[in-house]
Amino acid sequence: MSDQPGRPPRKPGKPHRRPKKDPVRILAFDALRAVDERDAYANLVLPPLLRKAREKGDFDGRDAALATELVYGTLRRQGTYDAIVAACIDRPLREVDPPVLDVLNLGVHQLLGTRIPTHAAVSASVELARVVLGDGRAKFVNAVLRKVSQHDLDAWVERVAPPYDEDPDDHLAVVHSHPRWVVSALWDSLGGGRAGIEDLLEADNERPEVTLVARPGRTTAEAVLAEVGEDSGLPGRWSPYAVRLAEGGEPGSFDIVRSGRAGVQDEGSQLVALALANAPLEGRDEKWLDGCAGPGGKAAMLAGLASERGATLLASEKQPHRAGLVAKALAGNPGPYQVIAADGTRPPWGPGTFDRILMDVPCTGLGALRRRPEARWRRRPEDLEGFGPLQRGLLRKALESVRVGGVVGYATCSPHLAETRAVVDDVLKQFGAAELIDARPLMDGVPGLGEGPDVQLWPHLHGTDAMYLALIRRTA
């Protein structure tokens, strides 16, 4: 007898059940899809998703921590996990639909990169697949993850990575989940043997500390520490304005951050701004320029330092919406400043206007892979060709815009030699009337800065982003 007229009787077997909706894993999946489909960055996508989940009552603090680990862990280890999944399927990886691969990699991360029990990692991933992909694809996910669960991460890496002796770059690319070309470029910039590059690649895969900056003229590191509390904060390693938050610390929970007196800023960025501000000058020291000021972290620091000396800062940013972010970061600065939207390669100011100029140029961002792990998969070697002319143009205009005897700081958040020394060397040869000055003494107490006169910071040596700085004095 059928349940309804016109329908055949149900076949005996397991009753159909609705898949269980797991809000943590659904949120993690949604974040990964946004990163893939919209070229979004996880650090911009994830916070609003977490906030919405909290408002709905779906999440507590532990749920948010797990979702964050799933997203960032999956993105950081994507290359390694792709190689493992490829070894468990009978088709080329490129033929697996991206949403399916996201579910698979989320599952692989739970199996190989967390302490979640095997049965829970597999079952939760299969349930997620049923919700977001459907029953048919869920069976595929189940089959692949059961194969993955037969070995731990070390055993899988030994199986899927080529031997180091045969292909060092490709071995390190699979083991440490970086594209091969990035491994090669970082190794060239770092120099040295295997140990150093492995330490660097491992550091790229670690969760970075959240570092606050006490904005000069508005507060002090001591005041930030007092509000954060001894249990949640530590002094910075190198910058006198830095405060490091303990794991799980939420910057927005502190009034001193919400008010703008302090902000979130990597210690490497702080050191770059301080070095420019403290570079020796003869004569006038009244007009400073941040020529690529967005989103405003360095500009806020420079504005405070300038105001303490009776100088003024002009913060220029080409993109109007980023200029708005700069204005927000500088609001409340005690001294005079100005924010404009302008193209640093075609500036509205005249030659020789400024005493100090910072040009933190657009770049590939290979120095911030800890914070933006998806960037390693998004960037391509050909991107360097696009950035190179812009970087040279900005530095050339900066040298024209500084007075004779003034100083330009050329900075990038990339250690790639094509974006650092190659740019500086080319522009100095063309411009002629300028010389490098030693930046190392201006980062007093910071070890391992290289042979000079320029400076390269590293995540594994300094705990900072891989910031580069060359200080250049105009001589005629």
Protein backbone atom coordinates (compact mmCIF):
# COMPACT_ATOMS: atom_id res chain seq x y z
CA MET A 1 0.00 0.00 0.00
CA SER A 2 1.49 3.34 -0.98
CA ASP A 3 1.56 6.30 1.39
CA GLN A 4 -0.18 8.52 -1.13
CA PRO A 5 -2.37 7.79 -4.15
CA GLY A 6 -0.39 7.49 -7.38
CA ARG A 7 2.96 6.86 -5.67
CA PRO A 8 4.68 3.48 -5.60
CA PRO A 9 5.22 1.86 -2.22
CA ARG A 10 8.46 2.73 -0.40
CA LYS A 11 11.20 0.18 -0.66
CA PRO A 12 12.34 -1.31 2.61
CA GLY A 13 15.68 -0.04 3.92
CA LYS A 14 17.19 2.73 5.99
CA PRO A 15 14.76 5.60 6.56
CA HIS A 16 15.73 8.90 4.94
CA ARG A 17 17.02 11.47 7.40
CA ARG A 18 17.85 15.09 7.05
CA PRO A 19 21.54 15.93 7.31
CA LYS A 20 22.57 17.61 10.54
CA LYS A 21 23.47 21.24 10.06
CA ASP A 22 26.71 22.07 11.85
CA PRO A 23 26.93 25.91 12.01
CA VAL A 24 30.70 25.89 12.65
CA ARG A 25 31.59 23.87 9.58
CA ILE A 26 28.98 25.53 7.38
CA LEU A 27 30.47 28.91 8.29
CA ALA A 28 34.00 27.65 7.55
CA PHE A 29 32.81 26.33 4.17
CA ASP A 30 31.09 29.65 3.36
CA ALA A 31 34.29 31.54 4.16
CA LEU A 32 36.38 29.29 1.89
CA ARG A 33 33.88 29.69 -0.94
CA ALA A 34 34.04 33.49 -0.59
CA VAL A 35 37.84 33.36 -0.75
CA ASP A 36 37.69 31.22 -3.89
CA GLU A 37 34.76 32.77 -5.74
CA ARG A 38 35.22 36.46 -4.92
CA ASP A 39 39.00 36.63 -4.45
CA ALA A 40 38.18 37.77 -0.94
CA TYR A 41 40.63 37.64 1.94
CA ALA A 42 39.80 35.46 4.92
CA ASN A 43 40.75 38.18 7.40
CA LEU A 44 38.03 40.38 5.85
CA VAL A 45 35.40 37.69 5.24
CA LEU A 46 35.57 35.80 8.51
CA PRO A 47 34.91 38.53 11.14
CA PRO A 48 31.47 39.55 9.80
CA LEU A 49 30.45 35.88 9.44
CA LEU A 50 31.47 35.22 13.05
CA ARG A 51 29.70 38.35 14.27
CA LYS A 52 26.47 37.36 12.51
CA ALA A 53 26.68 33.83 13.97
CA ARG A 54 27.12 35.25 17.48
CA GLU A 55 24.16 37.59 17.01
CA LYS A 56 21.98 34.65 15.97
CA GLY A 57 23.05 32.75 19.06
CA ASP A 58 24.66 29.94 17.02
CA PHE A 59 28.19 30.46 18.33
CA ASP A 60 30.12 30.76 21.55
CA GLY A 61 33.83 31.53 21.93
CA ARG A 62 34.92 27.92 21.38
CA ASP A 63 32.85 27.67 18.21
CA ALA A 64 34.42 30.85 16.85
CA ALA A 65 37.91 29.57 17.64
CA LEU A 66 37.23 26.26 15.86
CA ALA A 67 35.77 27.98 12.78
CA THR A 68 38.79 30.29 12.61
CA GLU A 69 41.21 27.36 12.89
CA LEU A 70 39.36 25.41 10.19
CA VAL A 71 39.45 28.31 7.74
CA TYR A 72 43.02 29.45 8.27
CA GLY A 73 44.43 25.96 8.74
CA THR A 74 42.83 24.76 5.52
CA LEU A 75 44.09 27.77 3.56
CA ARG A 76 47.62 27.51 4.91
CA ARG A 77 47.93 23.80 4.18
CA GLN A 78 45.98 23.81 0.92
CA GLY A 79 48.95 22.76 -1.21
CA THR A 80 49.82 19.80 0.98
CA TYR A 81 46.19 18.74 1.29
CA ASP A 82 45.66 19.02 -2.47
CA ALA A 83 48.56 16.64 -3.03
CA ILE A 84 47.12 14.16 -0.52
CA VAL A 85 43.62 14.30 -2.01
CA ALA A 86 45.10 13.85 -5.49
CA ALA A 87 46.73 10.62 -4.30
CA CYS A 88 43.33 9.33 -3.11
CA ILE A 89 41.24 9.87 -6.23
CA ASP A 90 41.26 8.39 -9.72
CA ARG A 91 40.92 11.64 -11.66
CA PRO A 92 43.03 14.81 -12.04
CA LEU A 93 42.52 17.21 -9.15
CA ARG A 94 41.46 19.97 -11.56
CA GLU A 95 38.38 17.91 -12.45
CA VAL A 96 37.09 18.01 -8.86
CA ASP A 97 34.58 20.84 -8.46
CA PRO A 98 35.96 23.60 -6.19
CA PRO A 99 33.14 23.32 -3.59
CA VAL A 100 33.81 19.59 -3.29
CA LEU A 101 37.53 20.24 -2.89
CA ASP A 102 36.81 22.79 -0.16
CA VAL A 103 34.79 20.21 1.79
CA LEU A 104 37.51 17.62 1.26
CA ASN A 105 40.30 19.93 2.41
CA LEU A 106 38.30 20.97 5.46
CA GLY A 107 37.99 17.28 6.27
CA VAL A 108 41.66 16.57 5.63
CA HIS A 109 42.66 19.43 7.92
CA GLN A 110 40.50 18.02 10.70
CA LEU A 111 42.04 14.57 10.18
CA LEU A 112 45.68 15.58 9.82
CA GLY A 113 45.99 19.06 11.31
CA THR A 114 43.83 19.02 14.45
CA ARG A 115 43.14 16.79 17.44
CA ILE A 116 39.59 16.06 16.35
CA PRO A 117 39.07 12.26 16.57
CA THR A 118 39.10 10.44 13.23
CA HIS A 119 35.50 9.25 13.33
CA ALA A 120 34.25 12.71 14.27
CA ALA A 121 36.28 14.41 11.53
CA VAL A 122 34.98 12.05 8.86
CA SER A 123 31.34 12.03 9.99
CA ALA A 124 31.21 15.82 10.42
CA SER A 125 32.70 16.33 6.96
CA VAL A 126 30.26 13.89 5.36
CA GLU A 127 27.34 15.64 7.07
CA LEU A 128 28.63 18.98 5.78
CA ALA A 129 28.83 17.50 2.28
CA ARG A 130 25.23 16.28 2.52
CA VAL A 131 24.08 19.78 3.49
CA VAL A 132 26.06 21.82 0.94
CA LEU A 133 26.70 19.33 -1.89
CA GLY A 134 24.02 16.62 -1.71
CA ASP A 135 24.02 12.90 -0.92
CA GLY A 136 25.82 11.76 -4.09
CA ARG A 137 28.86 13.92 -3.55
CA ALA A 138 28.79 13.15 0.17
CA LYS A 139 29.52 9.51 -0.70
CA PHE A 140 32.57 10.63 -2.69
CA VAL A 141 33.76 12.76 0.25
CA ASN A 142 33.27 9.82 2.60
CA ALA A 143 35.31 7.48 0.40
CA VAL A 144 38.21 9.93 0.00
CA LEU A 145 38.42 10.86 3.67
CA ARG A 146 38.41 7.22 4.74
CA LYS A 147 41.48 6.73 2.54
CA VAL A 148 43.12 9.84 4.02
CA SER A 149 42.44 8.61 7.56
CA GLN A 150 44.64 5.54 7.01
CA HIS A 151 47.85 7.57 7.55
CA ASP A 152 48.97 10.55 9.62
CA LEU A 153 50.36 13.76 8.11
CA ASP A 154 54.03 12.73 8.24
CA ALA A 155 53.32 9.45 6.48
CA TRP A 156 51.28 11.17 3.79
CA VAL A 157 53.95 13.81 3.18
CA GLU A 158 56.55 11.06 2.77
CA ARG A 159 54.29 9.46 0.17
CA VAL A 160 53.35 12.52 -1.89
CA ALA A 161 56.39 14.83 -1.70
CA PRO A 162 59.27 14.21 -4.12
CA PRO A 163 62.61 13.45 -2.40
CA TYR A 164 64.56 16.53 -1.35
CA ASP A 165 67.73 15.31 -3.05
CA GLU A 166 65.94 15.02 -6.40
CA ASP A 167 63.95 18.28 -6.36
CA PRO A 168 64.52 20.51 -3.30
CA ASP A 169 62.10 23.26 -4.35
CA ASP A 170 59.23 20.89 -5.12
CA HIS A 171 59.86 18.87 -1.96
CA LEU A 172 59.65 22.01 0.18
CA ALA A 173 56.61 23.24 -1.78
CA VAL A 174 54.61 20.10 -0.93
CA VAL A 175 55.89 19.67 2.63
CA HIS A 176 55.36 23.32 3.61
CA SER A 177 52.40 24.14 1.37
CA HIS A 178 53.80 26.97 -0.75
CA PRO A 179 53.79 27.25 -4.55
CA ARG A 180 57.10 26.17 -5.99
CA TRP A 181 57.89 29.61 -7.44
CA VAL A 182 57.33 31.22 -4.03
CA VAL A 183 59.68 28.73 -2.36
CA SER A 184 62.34 29.51 -4.96
CA ALA A 185 61.91 33.29 -4.62
CA LEU A 186 62.01 33.23 -0.80
CA TRP A 187 65.08 31.01 -0.84
CA ASP A 188 66.88 33.39 -3.20
CA SER A 189 66.05 36.35 -0.95
CA LEU A 190 66.98 34.58 2.27
CA GLY A 191 70.11 32.82 1.04
CA GLY A 192 71.73 30.07 3.07
CA GLY A 193 70.99 26.37 3.25
CA ARG A 194 68.03 24.14 3.87
CA ALA A 195 67.51 24.89 7.57
CA GLY A 196 66.83 28.60 7.08
CA ILE A 197 64.29 28.23 4.30
CA GLU A 198 62.47 25.46 6.18
CA ASP A 199 62.28 27.67 9.27
CA LEU A 200 60.86 30.50 7.17
CA LEU A 201 58.26 28.31 5.45
CA GLU A 202 57.22 26.82 8.79
CA ALA A 203 56.84 30.32 10.23
CA ASP A 204 54.56 31.25 7.31
CA ASN A 205 52.25 28.42 8.40
CA GLU A 206 52.02 29.51 12.03
CA ARG A 207 49.25 31.66 13.39
CA PRO A 208 50.73 35.16 13.87
CA GLU A 209 50.43 37.07 17.10
CA VAL A 210 48.11 40.05 17.20
CA THR A 211 50.24 43.12 17.86
CA LEU A 212 48.91 46.50 18.94
CA VAL A 213 50.58 49.86 18.47
CA ALA A 214 50.31 52.69 20.97
CA ARG A 215 49.89 55.63 18.61
CA PRO A 216 52.43 58.36 19.46
CA GLY A 217 50.94 61.52 20.88
CA ARG A 218 47.71 59.72 21.82
CA THR A 219 48.80 57.03 24.28
CA THR A 220 51.75 54.91 25.40
CA ALA A 221 52.59 51.23 25.39
CA GLU A 222 52.38 51.30 29.18
CA ALA A 223 48.82 52.60 29.00
CA VAL A 224 47.87 49.93 26.46
CA LEU A 225 49.38 47.22 28.67
CA ALA A 226 47.51 48.57 31.67
CA GLU A 227 44.17 48.31 29.88
CA VAL A 228 44.91 44.97 28.24
CA GLY A 229 46.14 43.49 31.53
CA GLU A 230 49.13 41.32 32.38
CA ASP A 231 47.22 38.13 31.57
CA SER A 232 46.39 39.29 28.04
CA GLY A 233 49.34 41.43 26.95
CA LEU A 234 53.12 41.46 26.67
CA PRO A 235 55.50 44.24 25.62
CA GLY A 236 56.66 44.18 22.02
CA ARG A 237 59.95 42.53 21.17
CA TRP A 238 61.48 45.44 19.27
CA SER A 239 59.23 48.49 19.01
CA PRO A 240 58.75 50.67 22.12
CA TYR A 241 55.18 51.27 20.96
CA ALA A 242 54.19 47.61 20.56
CA VAL A 243 52.03 45.39 22.76
CA ARG A 244 51.50 41.72 21.91
CA LEU A 245 48.13 40.15 22.68
CA ALA A 246 47.88 36.67 24.14
CA GLU A 247 46.32 34.02 21.91
CA GLY A 248 42.63 34.62 21.51
CA GLY A 249 42.82 38.28 22.51
CA GLU A 250 40.24 40.39 20.66
CA PRO A 251 41.55 43.91 19.86
CA GLY A 252 38.07 45.35 19.44
CA SER A 253 37.18 44.47 23.02
CA PHE A 254 39.48 47.21 24.38
CA ASP A 255 38.33 50.82 24.58
CA ILE A 256 41.83 52.10 23.86
CA VAL A 257 41.62 50.39 20.44
CA ARG A 258 38.00 51.35 19.73
CA SER A 259 38.86 54.99 20.43
CA GLY A 260 41.75 54.93 17.95
CA ARG A 261 44.44 55.71 20.52
CA ALA A 262 45.88 52.28 19.74
CA GLY A 263 45.54 50.09 16.68
CA VAL A 264 46.48 46.73 15.24
CA GLN A 265 49.86 46.91 13.50
CA ASP A 266 52.57 44.36 12.87
CA GLU A 267 55.79 45.15 14.69
CA GLY A 268 57.72 45.12 11.40
CA SER A 269 55.55 47.96 10.10
CA GLN A 270 56.17 49.88 13.30
CA LEU A 271 59.94 49.46 12.90
CA VAL A 272 59.84 50.74 9.32
CA ALA A 273 57.96 53.91 10.31
CA LEU A 274 60.26 54.50 13.28
CA ALA A 275 63.40 54.05 11.19
CA LEU A 276 62.26 56.66 8.68
CA ALA A 277 61.24 59.05 11.45
CA ASN A 278 64.61 58.70 13.21
CA ALA A 279 66.87 58.83 10.15
CA PRO A 280 69.42 61.66 10.62
CA LEU A 281 68.69 64.93 8.81
CA GLU A 282 70.54 68.22 8.52
CA GLY A 283 68.49 71.40 8.60
CA ARG A 284 64.74 71.62 8.17
CA ASP A 285 62.49 68.83 9.45
CA GLU A 286 58.98 70.20 9.02
CA LYS A 287 57.17 68.39 6.21
CA TRP A 288 56.65 64.62 6.03
CA LEU A 289 54.87 62.55 3.40
CA ASP A 290 53.38 59.07 3.46
CA GLY A 291 53.00 58.56 -0.28
CA CYS A 292 51.12 55.22 -0.26
CA ALA A 293 49.26 55.69 3.00
CA GLY A 294 46.39 53.19 2.83
CA PRO A 295 45.02 51.71 5.00
CA GLY A 296 46.67 54.09 7.49
CA GLY A 297 48.67 52.18 10.10
CA LYS A 298 52.07 53.67 9.30
CA ALA A 299 50.50 57.06 8.55
CA ALA A 300 48.92 57.19 12.02
CA MET A 301 52.27 56.42 13.61
CA LEU A 302 54.13 58.95 11.46
CA ALA A 303 51.52 61.64 12.13
CA GLY A 304 51.98 61.22 15.88
CA LEU A 305 55.77 61.26 15.67
CA ALA A 306 55.68 64.31 13.38
CA SER A 307 53.38 66.24 15.70
CA GLU A 308 55.69 65.59 18.66
CA ARG A 309 58.45 67.41 16.72
CA GLY A 310 56.32 70.23 15.39
CA ALA A 311 56.23 68.74 11.89
CA THR A 312 53.19 68.01 9.72
CA LEU A 313 52.29 64.87 7.75
CA LEU A 314 50.63 64.71 4.37
CA ALA A 315 49.10 61.26 3.89
CA SER A 316 48.41 60.51 0.23
CA GLU A 317 46.55 57.46 -1.07
CA LYS A 318 45.50 56.87 -4.67
CA GLN A 319 42.27 54.94 -3.95
CA PRO A 320 39.59 57.22 -2.44
CA HIS A 321 38.05 54.48 -0.27
CA ARG A 322 41.48 53.67 1.17
CA ALA A 323 42.10 57.38 1.71
CA GLY A 324 38.96 57.27 3.84
CA LEU A 325 40.50 54.51 5.95
CA VAL A 326 43.61 56.66 6.38
CA ALA A 327 41.52 59.60 7.54
CA LYS A 328 39.80 57.38 10.07
CA ALA A 329 43.15 56.09 11.39
CA LEU A 330 44.51 59.64 11.76
CA ALA A 331 41.40 61.12 13.39
CA GLY A 332 42.35 62.30 16.87
CA ASN A 333 46.00 62.98 16.08
CA PRO A 334 47.03 65.91 18.29
CA GLY A 335 49.00 67.76 15.63
CA PRO A 336 48.26 69.06 12.13
CA TYR A 337 47.99 66.63 9.25
CA GLN A 338 46.24 66.30 5.89
CA VAL A 339 44.84 63.31 3.98
CA ILE A 340 44.38 63.45 0.22
CA ALA A 341 43.51 61.04 -2.59
CA ALA A 342 46.32 61.37 -5.13
CA ASP A 343 48.51 59.28 -7.43
CA GLY A 344 52.09 59.21 -6.17
CA THR A 345 53.41 58.77 -9.72
CA ARG A 346 51.69 62.02 -10.76
CA PRO A 347 51.72 64.01 -7.54
CA PRO A 348 49.99 67.35 -7.00
CA TRP A 349 52.93 68.64 -4.91
CA GLY A 350 56.11 70.16 -6.34
CA PRO A 351 59.69 68.85 -6.39
CA GLY A 352 61.76 69.15 -3.22
CA THR A 353 58.70 69.74 -1.01
CA PHE A 354 59.30 67.24 1.80
CA ASP A 355 61.98 66.45 4.37
CA ARG A 356 60.97 62.81 4.96
CA ILE A 357 58.99 60.53 2.68
CA LEU A 358 57.76 56.98 3.20
CA MET A 359 56.86 54.98 0.07
CA ASP A 360 55.43 51.65 1.22
CA VAL A 361 54.67 50.53 -2.31
CA PRO A 362 52.02 48.10 -3.60
CA CYS A 363 53.56 44.64 -3.94
CA THR A 364 52.83 40.92 -4.06
CA GLY A 365 52.50 40.73 -0.28
CA LEU A 366 54.70 37.65 -0.02
CA GLY A 367 55.97 38.95 3.31
CA ALA A 368 52.56 38.64 4.96
CA LEU A 369 51.63 35.04 4.11
CA ARG A 370 51.04 34.27 7.80
CA ARG A 371 48.19 36.77 7.85
CA ARG A 372 46.89 36.23 4.32
CA PRO A 373 47.62 32.58 3.55
CA GLU A 374 45.37 32.59 0.49
CA ALA A 375 47.68 35.14 -1.19
CA ARG A 376 50.26 32.43 -1.85
CA TRP A 377 47.77 30.60 -4.09
CA ARG A 378 46.45 33.75 -5.72
CA ARG A 379 49.72 35.37 -6.77
CA ARG A 380 51.55 34.41 -9.95
CA PRO A 381 55.14 35.12 -11.07
CA GLU A 382 53.81 37.41 -13.79
CA ASP A 383 52.38 39.70 -11.10
CA LEU A 384 55.92 40.95 -10.55
CA GLU A 385 55.93 42.41 -14.05
CA GLY A 386 52.85 44.44 -13.21
CA PHE A 387 54.14 45.79 -9.92
CA GLY A 388 57.70 46.57 -11.10
CA PRO A 389 57.02 49.70 -13.20
CA LEU A 390 54.70 51.10 -10.52
CA GLN A 391 57.24 50.52 -7.74
CA ARG A 392 60.00 52.20 -9.76
CA GLY A 393 57.75 55.09 -10.68
CA LEU A 394 56.73 55.73 -7.07
CA LEU A 395 60.31 55.64 -5.80
CA ARG A 396 61.52 57.91 -8.59
CA LYS A 397 58.82 60.49 -7.82
CA ALA A 398 59.59 60.24 -4.10
CA LEU A 399 63.24 61.12 -4.75
CA GLU A 400 62.12 64.10 -6.83
CA SER A 401 59.69 65.16 -4.10
CA VAL A 402 62.18 65.17 -1.22
CA ARG A 403 64.52 68.12 -0.68
CA VAL A 404 68.28 67.83 -1.05
CA GLY A 405 69.48 66.28 2.21
CA GLY A 406 66.07 64.74 2.90
CA VAL A 407 65.37 61.02 3.27
CA VAL A 408 63.11 58.61 1.41
CA GLY A 409 62.12 55.25 2.90
CA TYR A 410 61.31 52.64 0.27
CA ALA A 411 59.38 49.80 1.90
CA THR A 412 57.60 46.65 0.76
CA CYS A 413 55.80 43.82 2.50
CA SER A 414 57.62 41.43 0.19
CA PRO A 415 61.13 40.02 0.41
CA HIS A 416 61.20 39.15 -3.30
CA LEU A 417 64.44 40.56 -4.75
CA ALA A 418 62.56 41.82 -7.82
CA GLU A 419 60.50 44.07 -5.52
CA THR A 420 63.28 45.15 -3.17
CA ARG A 421 66.93 45.56 -4.15
CA ALA A 422 66.30 45.36 -7.89
CA VAL A 423 63.91 48.33 -7.71
CA VAL A 424 66.21 50.39 -5.50
CA ASP A 425 69.30 49.65 -7.62
CA ASP A 426 67.53 50.52 -10.88
CA VAL A 427 66.13 53.81 -9.61
CA LEU A 428 69.40 54.91 -7.99
CA LYS A 429 71.26 54.29 -11.26
CA GLN A 430 68.73 56.41 -13.16
CA PHE A 431 68.33 59.19 -10.59
CA GLY A 432 71.99 59.51 -9.73
CA ALA A 433 71.88 62.21 -7.06
CA ALA A 434 71.04 59.93 -4.12
CA GLU A 435 72.75 57.46 -1.80
CA LEU A 436 71.74 54.61 0.46
CA ILE A 437 72.18 55.17 4.18
CA ASP A 438 72.52 52.37 6.70
CA ALA A 439 69.10 51.53 8.12
CA ARG A 440 70.37 48.93 10.60
CA PRO A 441 71.36 51.33 13.44
CA LEU A 442 67.84 52.77 13.27
CA MET A 443 66.46 49.37 14.36
CA ASP A 444 68.62 49.26 17.46
CA GLY A 445 68.62 45.90 19.23
CA VAL A 446 67.05 43.98 16.36
CA PRO A 447 69.40 41.11 15.32
CA GLY A 448 69.86 39.44 11.95
CA LEU A 449 69.16 42.46 9.74
CA GLY A 450 71.56 41.40 7.01
CA GLU A 451 74.67 42.97 5.54
CA GLY A 452 73.05 46.38 5.01
CA PRO A 453 72.69 49.16 4.24
CA ASP A 454 69.10 48.07 3.57
CA VAL A 455 67.12 45.91 6.01
CA GLN A 456 65.09 42.74 5.59
CA LEU A 457 62.91 41.46 8.45
CA TRP A 458 61.75 37.82 8.58
CA PRO A 459 58.91 35.97 10.34
CA HIS A 460 61.16 33.16 11.59
CA LEU A 461 63.92 35.48 12.85
CA HIS A 462 62.00 38.48 14.14
CA GLY A 463 58.38 37.34 14.55
CA THR A 464 57.29 40.07 12.12
CA ASP A 465 56.05 40.22 8.57
CA ALA A 466 58.90 40.07 6.03
CA MET A 467 59.19 43.84 5.67
CA TYR A 468 61.94 45.39 3.55
CA LEU A 469 63.31 48.92 4.02
CA ALA A 470 65.89 50.96 2.12
CA LEU A 471 66.65 54.50 3.34
CA ILE A 472 67.86 56.87 0.62
CA ARG A 473 69.22 60.39 1.03
CA ARG A 474 68.95 62.83 -1.86
CA THR A 475 72.33 64.43 -2.42
CA ALA A 476 71.68 67.00 -5.16
